Protein backbone atom coordinates (compact mmCIF):
# COMPACT_ATOMS: atom_id res chain seq x y z
CA MET A 1 61.56 118.03 38.48
CA GLN A 2 60.04 115.24 40.57
CA VAL A 3 60.69 114.40 44.23
CA MET A 4 60.02 111.48 46.44
CA VAL A 5 59.84 112.08 50.16
CA GLU A 6 59.79 109.35 52.82
CA ILE A 7 58.45 110.87 55.97
CA SER A 8 57.73 109.72 59.51
CA LEU A 9 55.80 111.69 62.22
CA TYR A 10 56.55 111.29 65.90
CA PRO A 11 54.15 113.51 67.97
CA LEU A 12 55.50 114.11 71.52
CA ALA A 13 52.17 113.55 73.12
CA ASN A 14 50.47 110.78 75.06
CA GLN A 15 47.82 110.52 72.35
CA TYR A 16 50.09 110.12 69.41
CA ILE A 17 48.00 107.94 67.05
CA GLU A 18 45.38 110.61 66.14
CA PRO A 19 47.83 113.26 65.00
CA ILE A 20 49.47 110.63 62.75
CA LYS A 21 46.23 109.56 61.22
CA ALA A 22 45.12 113.24 60.76
CA PHE A 23 48.43 114.08 58.97
CA ILE A 24 48.05 111.12 56.65
CA GLU A 25 44.38 111.94 55.87
CA ARG A 26 45.28 115.55 55.08
CA ILE A 27 48.10 114.67 52.75
CA ASN A 28 45.90 112.10 50.99
CA SER A 29 43.54 114.99 50.10
CA TYR A 30 46.12 116.52 47.70
CA PRO A 31 45.16 115.33 44.18
CA ASP A 32 48.54 116.16 42.58
CA VAL A 33 50.75 113.89 44.74
CA THR A 34 51.09 110.12 44.99
CA ILE A 35 50.97 108.70 48.54
CA ALA A 36 52.01 105.28 49.76
CA THR A 37 51.76 104.62 53.46
CA CYS A 38 53.31 101.70 55.40
CA SER A 39 53.60 100.99 59.12
CA THR A 40 56.50 103.28 59.84
CA SER A 41 56.59 105.95 57.13
CA THR A 42 54.70 107.52 54.24
CA GLN A 43 56.19 108.07 50.73
CA ILE A 44 54.99 111.14 48.84
CA SER A 45 55.86 111.64 45.23
CA GLY A 46 55.11 114.43 42.80
CA ASP A 47 56.21 117.75 41.41
CA TYR A 48 59.00 119.20 43.58
CA ALA A 49 57.27 122.56 44.17
CA VAL A 50 53.86 120.96 44.88
CA VAL A 51 55.29 118.38 47.33
CA MET A 52 57.41 121.02 49.19
CA GLN A 53 54.52 123.46 49.56
CA MET A 54 52.21 120.71 50.76
CA LEU A 55 54.76 119.46 53.29
CA GLY A 56 55.31 122.93 54.55
CA THR A 57 51.63 123.53 55.05
CA GLU A 58 50.83 120.20 56.63
CA MET A 59 53.84 120.06 58.91
CA GLN A 60 52.97 123.56 60.25
CA ARG A 61 49.37 122.41 60.88
CA THR A 62 50.61 119.43 62.80
CA HIS A 63 52.93 121.56 64.96
CA GLN A 64 50.14 124.01 65.63
CA ALA A 65 47.66 121.24 66.65
CA VAL A 66 50.00 118.98 68.54
CA GLY A 67 52.67 121.19 69.93
CA GLN A 68 55.98 119.38 69.84
CA ALA A 69 56.35 116.78 67.12
CA ILE A 70 59.31 115.33 65.21
CA PHE A 71 59.33 114.76 61.43
CA VAL A 72 61.98 112.61 59.93
CA ALA A 73 62.26 112.78 56.22
CA LYS A 74 64.38 111.58 53.31
CA PHE A 75 64.30 113.41 49.96
CA LEU A 76 65.11 112.06 46.51
CA ASN A 77 64.85 114.25 43.41
CA PHE A 78 64.43 112.42 40.15
CA ASP A 79 63.17 112.80 36.66
CA ALA A 80 60.50 110.14 36.08
CA MET A 81 61.45 109.75 32.43
CA GLN A 82 65.11 109.14 33.27
CA SER A 83 64.38 106.69 36.10
CA ASN A 84 62.74 104.38 33.60
CA GLN A 85 65.78 104.22 31.35
CA PRO A 86 68.42 101.59 31.87
CA GLN A 87 71.71 102.82 33.33
CA SER A 88 74.86 102.37 31.31
CA ALA A 89 77.76 100.46 32.81
CA PRO A 90 81.03 102.38 33.67
């Protein structure tokens, strides 16, 4: 199963840009996920187990480095093959 996660990071620190950049750089180092970053969030797509493990690892690293930080995320599970097929009308 595939998952797409849209995630935003809000470090509760005066110097908030560097923790955000560091988080994005780390998640971009994972070869088995697709990353798309925009001004307010990052979309991560890939195998459900891989993405969830990566997020757990990198969110923990951020909390350990920064202290308090807020992550806001939306999760969408999907099958890439089914998402390309037209939907039938009810």
